[in-house]
Amino acid sequence: MDQLEALIGERTRLVAVGHVSNALGTIHPVAEIVELAHRAGALVLVDGAQGAPHLPVDVQALGCDFYAFSGHKLGAPMGIGALWARRELLDAMPPYQGGGEMIDVVELEHCTYAEPPHKFEAGTPNVAGAVGLAAAIDYLDSIGHDVLWAHEQELTAYGLERLGEVPGIRLFGPPEPRDRTAVFAFEADGIHPHDLATILDTEGLAIRAGHHCTQPLMRRLGVPATARASCYLYNTVEELDRLVEGLHLARRVFGVA
């Protein structure tokens, strides 16, 4: 944040930022970023793919101009998502593709477009995906976002504590649970993340290993890749215990215990 103010200037038109980091679980100070951007006359697009499933989202409180998220991160089918934008921006924006349902009046020389959101929904829609997305959102609403967040904070605090007890484990991301979601990125001394993921897989533990589409971050951290264990509403503290047991096993297998 101490560098961001210098980066945003009068030539800045759009600032894009993730609500939550997919690589570290960091919850970014979006409202502060929006304030800086708006002060310079720029618009703000928030990538909520990792935020919408985990956090209560209030676009008015964030102050952003656009908020996008994908459905499969919150239990919906793949291939469906949503973009929210301020109405005046949707009115001013031209459509990005043409097709059925997005037009109003068509002449040989010109055409007018339907009112948003139809202006941006050309052609046959992904009906099954939309129904699935609605069902997933209704399901999460029935549980309650405050309940989901409390559960995830419990997992975050427990996971940070337990993983911190394993020798040779270096955790990345904020140390305080309130500043992150239950995504644990780490490296194990003497074990490549791909090898670690393979050992854990034999124990029925599924993690991700690699650069997580954030190669500049990996270079900044000084590692070729990280292992990443991601928790959600269906995970338990007992499963985090199993993860820790699997890490101890991997250390013994690779002779670093």
C-alpha atoms as a PDB file:
ATOM      1  CA  MET A   1       0.000   0.000   0.000  1.00  0.00           C
ATOM      2  CA  ASP A   2       2.890   2.398   0.619  1.00  0.00           C
ATOM      3  CA  GLN A   3       3.869   2.005  -3.051  1.00  0.00           C
ATOM      4  CA  LEU A   4       0.393   2.040  -4.545  1.00  0.00           C
ATOM      5  CA  GLU A   5      -0.232   5.766  -4.173  1.00  0.00           C
ATOM      6  CA  ALA A   6       2.871   6.486  -6.266  1.00  0.00           C
ATOM      7  CA  LEU A   7       1.755   4.016  -8.953  1.00  0.00           C
ATOM      8  CA  ILE A   8      -1.728   5.456  -9.439  1.00  0.00           C
ATOM      9  CA  GLY A   9      -1.590   8.727 -11.349  1.00  0.00           C
ATOM     10  CA  GLU A  10      -3.526  10.932 -13.732  1.00  0.00           C
ATOM     11  CA  ARG A  11      -2.910   8.469 -16.619  1.00  0.00           C
ATOM     12  CA  THR A  12      -4.454   5.573 -14.664  1.00  0.00           C
ATOM     13  CA  ARG A  13      -7.822   4.548 -16.090  1.00  0.00           C
ATOM     14  CA  LEU A  14      -8.553   1.255 -14.353  1.00  0.00           C
ATOM     15  CA  VAL A  15      -7.171  -0.457 -11.265  1.00  0.00           C
ATOM     16  CA  ALA A  16      -7.754  -4.223 -11.097  1.00  0.00           C
ATOM     17  CA  VAL A  17      -7.217  -6.035  -7.805  1.00  0.00           C
ATOM     18  CA  GLY A  18      -8.114  -9.382  -6.297  1.00  0.00           C
ATOM     19  CA  HIS A  19     -10.380  -9.286  -3.257  1.00  0.00           C
ATOM     20  CA  VAL A  20      -8.485 -12.256  -1.828  1.00  0.00           C
ATOM     21  CA  SER A  21      -5.179 -13.697  -3.051  1.00  0.00           C
ATOM     22  CA  ASN A  22      -5.530 -17.173  -4.529  1.00  0.00           C
ATOM     23  CA  ALA A  23      -1.853 -17.858  -3.744  1.00  0.00           C
ATOM     24  CA  LEU A  24      -1.632 -16.627  -0.149  1.00  0.00           C
ATOM     25  CA  GLY A  25      -5.194 -16.176   1.105  1.00  0.00           C
ATOM     26  CA  THR A  26      -4.474 -12.515   1.883  1.00  0.00           C
ATOM     27  CA  ILE A  27      -7.564 -10.315   2.189  1.00  0.00           C
ATOM     28  CA  HIS A  28      -6.661  -7.110   0.385  1.00  0.00           C
ATOM     29  CA  PRO A  29      -7.707  -3.664   1.704  1.00  0.00           C
ATOM     30  CA  VAL A  30     -10.044  -3.074  -1.219  1.00  0.00           C
ATOM     31  CA  ALA A  31     -11.865  -0.071   0.239  1.00  0.00           C
ATOM     32  CA  GLU A  32      -8.561   1.764   0.734  1.00  0.00           C
ATOM     33  CA  ILE A  33      -7.439   0.872  -2.796  1.00  0.00           C
ATOM     34  CA  VAL A  34     -10.740   2.141  -4.206  1.00  0.00           C
ATOM     35  CA  GLU A  35     -10.332   5.424  -2.350  1.00  0.00           C
ATOM     36  CA  LEU A  36      -6.833   5.937  -3.789  1.00  0.00           C
ATOM     37  CA  ALA A  37      -7.986   5.083  -7.316  1.00  0.00           C
ATOM     38  CA  HIS A  38     -11.081   7.251  -7.230  1.00  0.00           C
ATOM     39  CA  ARG A  39      -9.010  10.158  -5.926  1.00  0.00           C
ATOM     40  CA  ALA A  40      -6.982   9.902  -9.146  1.00  0.00           C
ATOM     41  CA  GLY A  41     -10.114   9.574 -11.293  1.00  0.00           C
ATOM     42  CA  ALA A  42      -9.652   5.858 -12.045  1.00  0.00           C
ATOM     43  CA  LEU A  43     -12.228   3.077 -11.921  1.00  0.00           C
ATOM     44  CA  VAL A  44     -11.728  -0.134  -9.897  1.00  0.00           C
ATOM     45  CA  LEU A  45     -12.424  -3.710 -10.937  1.00  0.00           C
ATOM     46  CA  VAL A  46     -12.351  -6.274  -8.127  1.00  0.00           C
ATOM     47  CA  ASP A  47     -11.691  -9.928  -8.941  1.00  0.00           C
ATOM     48  CA  GLY A  48     -13.918 -11.648  -6.401  1.00  0.00           C
ATOM     49  CA  ALA A  49     -13.292 -15.263  -7.458  1.00  0.00           C
ATOM     50  CA  GLN A  50     -11.657 -15.951  -4.088  1.00  0.00           C
ATOM     51  CA  GLY A  51     -13.628 -13.328  -2.177  1.00  0.00           C
ATOM     52  CA  ALA A  52     -17.275 -14.082  -2.937  1.00  0.00           C
ATOM     53  CA  PRO A  53     -17.173 -17.708  -1.701  1.00  0.00           C
ATOM     54  CA  HIS A  54     -15.496 -16.824   1.598  1.00  0.00           C
ATOM     55  CA  LEU A  55     -16.454 -13.285   2.638  1.00  0.00           C
ATOM     56  CA  PRO A  56     -19.658 -11.318   3.015  1.00  0.00           C
ATOM     57  CA  VAL A  57     -19.529  -9.030  -0.054  1.00  0.00           C
ATOM     58  CA  ASP A  58     -21.032  -5.533   0.024  1.00  0.00           C
ATOM     59  CA  VAL A  59     -20.107  -3.700  -3.182  1.00  0.00           C
ATOM     60  CA  GLN A  60     -21.472  -0.444  -1.757  1.00  0.00           C
ATOM     61  CA  ALA A  61     -19.173  -0.692   1.256  1.00  0.00           C
ATOM     62  CA  LEU A  62     -16.197  -1.597  -0.943  1.00  0.00           C
ATOM     63  CA  GLY A  63     -17.002   1.325  -3.226  1.00  0.00           C
ATOM     64  CA  CYS A  64     -15.787  -0.546  -6.312  1.00  0.00           C
ATOM     65  CA  ASP A  65     -17.046   0.044  -9.833  1.00  0.00           C
ATOM     66  CA  PHE A  66     -16.950  -3.578 -11.027  1.00  0.00           C
ATOM     67  CA  TYR A  67     -16.999  -6.866  -9.092  1.00  0.00           C
ATOM     68  CA  ALA A  68     -16.581 -10.206 -10.879  1.00  0.00           C
ATOM     69  CA  PHE A  69     -16.617 -13.775  -9.578  1.00  0.00           C
ATOM     70  CA  SER A  70     -16.716 -17.334 -10.881  1.00  0.00           C
ATOM     71  CA  GLY A  71     -19.362 -19.839  -9.882  1.00  0.00           C
ATOM     72  CA  HIS A  72     -17.361 -23.026  -9.389  1.00  0.00           C
ATOM     73  CA  LYS A  73     -15.409 -21.494  -6.504  1.00  0.00           C
ATOM     74  CA  LEU A  74     -18.622 -21.358  -4.466  1.00  0.00           C
ATOM     75  CA  GLY A  75     -20.082 -24.742  -5.392  1.00  0.00           C
ATOM     76  CA  ALA A  76     -21.772 -23.951  -8.713  1.00  0.00           C
ATOM     77  CA  PRO A  77     -21.012 -25.672 -12.048  1.00  0.00           C
ATOM     78  CA  MET A  78     -17.962 -24.649 -14.046  1.00  0.00           C
ATOM     79  CA  GLY A  79     -18.332 -22.181 -16.909  1.00  0.00           C
ATOM     80  CA  ILE A  80     -20.628 -19.703 -15.155  1.00  0.00           C
ATOM     81  CA  GLY A  81     -19.934 -16.493 -13.276  1.00  0.00           C
ATOM     82  CA  ALA A  82     -21.161 -12.966 -12.743  1.00  0.00           C
ATOM     83  CA  LEU A  83     -20.081  -9.391 -13.264  1.00  0.00           C
ATOM     84  CA  TRP A  84     -21.618  -6.625 -11.181  1.00  0.00           C
ATOM     85  CA  ALA A  85     -21.096  -3.037 -12.268  1.00  0.00           C
ATOM     86  CA  ARG A  86     -22.502   0.347 -11.409  1.00  0.00           C
ATOM     87  CA  ARG A  87     -25.580   0.984 -13.554  1.00  0.00           C
ATOM     88  CA  GLU A  88     -24.284   4.196 -15.124  1.00  0.00           C
ATOM     89  CA  LEU A  89     -21.172   2.347 -16.315  1.00  0.00           C
ATOM     90  CA  LEU A  90     -23.223  -0.468 -17.829  1.00  0.00           C
ATOM     91  CA  ASP A  91     -25.361   2.117 -19.625  1.00  0.00           C
ATOM     92  CA  ALA A  92     -22.274   3.826 -21.062  1.00  0.00           C
ATOM     93  CA  MET A  93     -20.362   0.694 -22.085  1.00  0.00           C
ATOM     94  CA  PRO A  94     -20.775  -0.773 -25.589  1.00  0.00           C
ATOM     95  CA  PRO A  95     -21.506  -4.521 -25.870  1.00  0.00           C
ATOM     96  CA  TYR A  96     -18.443  -6.717 -26.332  1.00  0.00           C
ATOM     97  CA  GLN A  97     -20.195  -9.190 -28.655  1.00  0.00           C
ATOM     98  CA  GLY A  98     -23.322  -9.377 -30.771  1.00  0.00           C
ATOM     99  CA  GLY A  99     -26.097 -11.931 -30.960  1.00  0.00           C
ATOM    100  CA  GLY A 100     -29.679 -12.642 -30.058  1.00  0.00           C
ATOM    101  CA  GLU A 101     -31.438 -10.846 -27.186  1.00  0.00           C
ATOM    102  CA  MET A 102     -28.919  -7.996 -26.931  1.00  0.00           C
ATOM    103  CA  ILE A 103     -30.464  -5.692 -29.519  1.00  0.00           C
ATOM    104  CA  ASP A 104     -33.355  -3.219 -29.350  1.00  0.00           C
ATOM    105  CA  VAL A 105     -33.877  -1.834 -32.872  1.00  0.00           C
ATOM    106  CA  VAL A 106     -31.812  -2.861 -35.916  1.00  0.00           C
ATOM    107  CA  GLU A 107     -31.595  -0.778 -39.091  1.00  0.00           C
ATOM    108  CA  LEU A 108     -29.301  -1.179 -42.089  1.00  0.00           C
ATOM    109  CA  GLU A 109     -27.287   1.839 -40.991  1.00  0.00           C
ATOM    110  CA  HIS A 110     -27.354   1.521 -37.197  1.00  0.00           C
ATOM    111  CA  CYS A 111     -28.840  -0.305 -34.215  1.00  0.00           C
ATOM    112  CA  THR A 112     -29.714   0.294 -30.604  1.00  0.00           C
ATOM    113  CA  TYR A 113     -29.149  -2.122 -27.776  1.00  0.00           C
ATOM    114  CA  ALA A 114     -31.300  -3.636 -25.068  1.00  0.00           C
ATOM    115  CA  GLU A 115     -31.127  -2.373 -21.524  1.00  0.00           C
ATOM    116  CA  PRO A 116     -28.464  -3.920 -19.247  1.00  0.00           C
ATOM    117  CA  PRO A 117     -27.932  -6.678 -18.390  1.00  0.00           C
ATOM    118  CA  HIS A 118     -29.364  -7.994 -21.686  1.00  0.00           C
ATOM    119  CA  LYS A 119     -27.007  -5.764 -23.672  1.00  0.00           C
ATOM    120  CA  PHE A 120     -24.113  -7.959 -22.488  1.00  0.00           C
ATOM    121  CA  GLU A 121     -25.789 -11.378 -22.749  1.00  0.00           C
ATOM    122  CA  ALA A 122     -25.728 -12.143 -26.463  1.00  0.00           C
ATOM    123  CA  GLY A 123     -26.844 -15.487 -27.840  1.00  0.00           C
ATOM    124  CA  THR A 124     -28.124 -18.587 -26.087  1.00  0.00           C
ATOM    125  CA  PRO A 125     -27.342 -18.297 -22.381  1.00  0.00           C
ATOM    126  CA  ASN A 126     -25.826 -21.003 -20.188  1.00  0.00           C
ATOM    127  CA  VAL A 127     -29.212 -21.816 -18.674  1.00  0.00           C
ATOM    128  CA  ALA A 128     -28.096 -24.895 -16.734  1.00  0.00           C
ATOM    129  CA  GLY A 129     -25.097 -23.030 -15.362  1.00  0.00           C
ATOM    130  CA  ALA A 130     -27.234 -20.085 -14.280  1.00  0.00           C
ATOM    131  CA  VAL A 131     -29.687 -22.372 -12.494  1.00  0.00           C
ATOM    132  CA  GLY A 132     -26.777 -24.120 -10.785  1.00  0.00           C
ATOM    133  CA  LEU A 133     -25.205 -20.810  -9.778  1.00  0.00           C
ATOM    134  CA  ALA A 134     -28.483 -19.611  -8.281  1.00  0.00           C
ATOM    135  CA  ALA A 135     -28.850 -22.872  -6.343  1.00  0.00           C
ATOM    136  CA  ALA A 136     -25.304 -22.585  -4.982  1.00  0.00           C
ATOM    137  CA  ILE A 137     -25.867 -18.986  -3.880  1.00  0.00           C
ATOM    138  CA  ASP A 138     -29.185 -19.914  -2.249  1.00  0.00           C
ATOM    139  CA  TYR A 139     -27.424 -22.746  -0.406  1.00  0.00           C
ATOM    140  CA  LEU A 140     -24.691 -20.479   0.939  1.00  0.00           C
ATOM    141  CA  ASP A 141     -27.287 -17.870   1.914  1.00  0.00           C
ATOM    142  CA  SER A 142     -29.219 -20.534   3.819  1.00  0.00           C
ATOM    143  CA  ILE A 143     -26.123 -21.304   5.877  1.00  0.00           C
ATOM    144  CA  GLY A 144     -25.316 -17.646   6.409  1.00  0.00           C
ATOM    145  CA  HIS A 145     -22.147 -15.834   5.401  1.00  0.00           C
ATOM    146  CA  ASP A 146     -21.392 -14.935   9.016  1.00  0.00           C
ATOM    147  CA  VAL A 147     -21.521 -18.637   9.914  1.00  0.00           C
ATOM    148  CA  LEU A 148     -19.292 -19.514   6.958  1.00  0.00           C
ATOM    149  CA  TRP A 149     -16.793 -16.830   7.906  1.00  0.00           C
ATOM    150  CA  ALA A 150     -16.695 -17.921  11.562  1.00  0.00           C
ATOM    151  CA  HIS A 151     -16.055 -21.530  10.505  1.00  0.00           C
ATOM    152  CA  GLU A 152     -13.302 -20.473   8.141  1.00  0.00           C
ATOM    153  CA  GLN A 153     -11.671 -18.296  10.776  1.00  0.00           C
ATOM    154  CA  GLU A 154     -11.637 -21.295  13.122  1.00  0.00           C
ATOM    155  CA  LEU A 155      -9.934 -23.369  10.422  1.00  0.00           C
ATOM    156  CA  THR A 156      -7.485 -20.567   9.670  1.00  0.00           C
ATOM    157  CA  ALA A 157      -6.403 -20.118  13.288  1.00  0.00           C
ATOM    158  CA  TYR A 158      -6.118 -23.869  13.860  1.00  0.00           C
ATOM    159  CA  GLY A 159      -4.257 -24.483  10.605  1.00  0.00           C
ATOM    160  CA  LEU A 160      -1.721 -21.729  11.232  1.00  0.00           C
ATOM    161  CA  GLU A 161      -1.060 -23.110  14.710  1.00  0.00           C
ATOM    162  CA  ARG A 162      -0.720 -26.755  13.666  1.00  0.00           C
ATOM    163  CA  LEU A 163       1.333 -26.125  10.520  1.00  0.00           C
ATOM    164  CA  GLY A 164       3.597 -23.856  12.537  1.00  0.00           C
ATOM    165  CA  GLU A 165       4.447 -26.827  14.762  1.00  0.00           C
ATOM    166  CA  VAL A 166       5.892 -28.889  11.881  1.00  0.00           C
ATOM    167  CA  PRO A 167       9.703 -28.533  11.628  1.00  0.00           C
ATOM    168  CA  GLY A 168      10.989 -27.207   8.324  1.00  0.00           C
ATOM    169  CA  ILE A 169       7.662 -25.710   7.248  1.00  0.00           C
ATOM    170  CA  ARG A 170       7.735 -22.076   6.095  1.00  0.00           C
ATOM    171  CA  LEU A 171       4.298 -20.520   5.878  1.00  0.00           C
ATOM    172  CA  PHE A 172       3.553 -17.607   3.567  1.00  0.00           C
ATOM    173  CA  GLY A 173       0.920 -14.917   3.920  1.00  0.00           C
ATOM    174  CA  PRO A 174      -0.408 -12.849   6.836  1.00  0.00           C
ATOM    175  CA  PRO A 175       0.199 -14.305  10.312  1.00  0.00           C
ATOM    176  CA  GLU A 176      -3.176 -13.139  11.693  1.00  0.00           C
ATOM    177  CA  PRO A 177      -6.313 -15.182  10.855  1.00  0.00           C
ATOM    178  CA  ARG A 178      -8.446 -12.028  10.501  1.00  0.00           C
ATOM    179  CA  ASP A 179      -6.279 -10.909   7.577  1.00  0.00           C
ATOM    180  CA  ARG A 180      -6.660 -14.041   5.481  1.00  0.00           C
ATOM    181  CA  THR A 181      -8.832 -16.963   4.449  1.00  0.00           C
ATOM    182  CA  ALA A 182      -8.094 -20.630   5.162  1.00  0.00           C
ATOM    183  CA  VAL A 183      -5.604 -21.003   2.320  1.00  0.00           C
ATOM    184  CA  PHE A 184      -2.228 -22.253   3.527  1.00  0.00           C
ATOM    185  CA  ALA A 185       0.719 -21.726   1.185  1.00  0.00           C
ATOM    186  CA  PHE A 186       3.991 -23.168   2.417  1.00  0.00           C
ATOM    187  CA  GLU A 187       7.277 -24.798   1.534  1.00  0.00           C
ATOM    188  CA  ALA A 188       8.802 -27.821   3.252  1.00  0.00           C
ATOM    189  CA  ASP A 189      12.559 -27.728   3.725  1.00  0.00           C
ATOM    190  CA  GLY A 190      14.260 -30.313   1.493  1.00  0.00           C
ATOM    191  CA  ILE A 191      11.063 -31.387  -0.338  1.00  0.00           C
ATOM    192  CA  HIS A 192       9.887 -29.994  -3.680  1.00  0.00           C
ATOM    193  CA  PRO A 193       6.175 -29.052  -3.595  1.00  0.00           C
ATOM    194  CA  HIS A 194       5.402 -31.538  -6.403  1.00  0.00           C
ATOM    195  CA  ASP A 195       6.985 -34.390  -4.428  1.00  0.00           C
ATOM    196  CA  LEU A 196       5.170 -33.283  -1.306  1.00  0.00           C
ATOM    197  CA  ALA A 197       1.831 -33.262  -3.138  1.00  0.00           C
ATOM    198  CA  THR A 198       2.502 -36.793  -4.413  1.00  0.00           C
ATOM    199  CA  ILE A 199       3.181 -38.143  -0.922  1.00  0.00           C
ATOM    200  CA  LEU A 200       0.108 -36.445   0.494  1.00  0.00           C
ATOM    201  CA  ASP A 201      -1.978 -37.826  -2.370  1.00  0.00           C
ATOM    202  CA  THR A 202      -1.101 -41.369  -1.284  1.00  0.00           C
ATOM    203  CA  GLU A 203      -2.634 -40.470   2.089  1.00  0.00           C
ATOM    204  CA  GLY A 204      -5.854 -39.197   0.518  1.00  0.00           C
ATOM    205  CA  LEU A 205      -4.923 -35.547   0.940  1.00  0.00           C
ATOM    206  CA  ALA A 206      -5.418 -33.286  -2.086  1.00  0.00           C
ATOM    207  CA  ILE A 207      -3.358 -30.090  -2.246  1.00  0.00           C
ATOM    208  CA  ARG A 208      -2.103 -27.916  -5.082  1.00  0.00           C
ATOM    209  CA  ALA A 209       1.590 -27.536  -5.886  1.00  0.00           C
ATOM    210  CA  GLY A 210       3.240 -25.127  -8.297  1.00  0.00           C
ATOM    211  CA  HIS A 211       3.369 -21.403  -8.958  1.00  0.00           C
ATOM    212  CA  HIS A 212      -0.440 -21.000  -8.853  1.00  0.00           C
ATOM    213  CA  CYS A 213      -0.356 -18.608 -11.836  1.00  0.00           C
ATOM    214  CA  THR A 214       1.635 -16.148  -9.689  1.00  0.00           C
ATOM    215  CA  GLN A 215       5.197 -16.551 -10.935  1.00  0.00           C
ATOM    216  CA  PRO A 216       6.209 -12.953 -10.057  1.00  0.00           C
ATOM    217  CA  LEU A 217       5.116 -13.655  -6.477  1.00  0.00           C
ATOM    218  CA  MET A 218       7.161 -16.856  -6.384  1.00  0.00           C
ATOM    219  CA  ARG A 219      10.231 -14.887  -7.486  1.00  0.00           C
ATOM    220  CA  ARG A 220       9.507 -12.286  -4.828  1.00  0.00           C
ATOM    221  CA  LEU A 221       9.299 -15.036  -2.178  1.00  0.00           C
ATOM    222  CA  GLY A 222      12.478 -16.654  -3.476  1.00  0.00           C
ATOM    223  CA  VAL A 223      10.917 -20.062  -4.142  1.00  0.00           C
ATOM    224  CA  PRO A 224      10.276 -22.016  -7.369  1.00  0.00           C
ATOM    225  CA  ALA A 225       6.814 -23.035  -6.189  1.00  0.00           C
ATOM    226  CA  THR A 226       4.716 -23.547  -3.080  1.00  0.00           C
ATOM    227  CA  ALA A 227       2.396 -26.196  -1.715  1.00  0.00           C
ATOM    228  CA  ARG A 228      -1.116 -24.888  -1.072  1.00  0.00           C
ATOM    229  CA  ALA A 229      -3.811 -26.458   1.076  1.00  0.00           C
ATOM    230  CA  SER A 230      -7.202 -24.771   0.653  1.00  0.00           C
ATOM    231  CA  CYS A 231     -10.088 -25.158   3.102  1.00  0.00           C
ATOM    232  CA  TYR A 232     -13.746 -24.325   2.687  1.00  0.00           C
ATOM    233  CA  LEU A 233     -17.071 -24.888   4.429  1.00  0.00           C
ATOM    234  CA  TYR A 234     -16.845 -28.688   4.072  1.00  0.00           C
ATOM    235  CA  ASN A 235     -13.436 -29.014   5.750  1.00  0.00           C
ATOM    236  CA  THR A 236     -12.779 -29.776   9.423  1.00  0.00           C
ATOM    237  CA  VAL A 237     -10.013 -29.359  11.991  1.00  0.00           C
ATOM    238  CA  GLU A 238      -9.610 -33.136  11.917  1.00  0.00           C
ATOM    239  CA  GLU A 239      -8.630 -32.920   8.254  1.00  0.00           C
ATOM    240  CA  LEU A 240      -6.023 -30.323   9.146  1.00  0.00           C
ATOM    241  CA  ASP A 241      -4.667 -32.806  11.686  1.00  0.00           C
ATOM    242  CA  ARG A 242      -4.391 -35.359   8.888  1.00  0.00           C
ATOM    243  CA  LEU A 243      -2.529 -32.806   6.776  1.00  0.00           C
ATOM    244  CA  VAL A 244      -0.006 -32.324   9.574  1.00  0.00           C
ATOM    245  CA  GLU A 245       0.403 -36.107   9.914  1.00  0.00           C
ATOM    246  CA  GLY A 246       0.991 -36.298   6.159  1.00  0.00           C
ATOM    247  CA  LEU A 247       3.682 -33.626   6.360  1.00  0.00           C
ATOM    248  CA  HIS A 248       5.490 -35.579   9.068  1.00  0.00           C
ATOM    249  CA  LEU A 249       5.291 -38.674   6.846  1.00  0.00           C
ATOM    250  CA  ALA A 250       6.740 -36.777   3.888  1.00  0.00           C
ATOM    251  CA  ARG A 251       9.622 -35.556   6.028  1.00  0.00           C
ATOM    252  CA  ARG A 252      10.412 -39.133   7.026  1.00  0.00           C
ATOM    253  CA  VAL A 253      10.155 -40.388   3.420  1.00  0.00           C
ATOM    254  CA  PHE A 254      12.615 -37.751   2.201  1.00  0.00           C
ATOM    255  CA  GLY A 255      14.935 -38.179   5.175  1.00  0.00           C
ATOM    256  CA  VAL A 256      14.579 -34.650   6.528  1.00  0.00           C
ATOM    257  CA  ALA A 257      12.787 -35.564   9.758  1.00  0.00           C
END
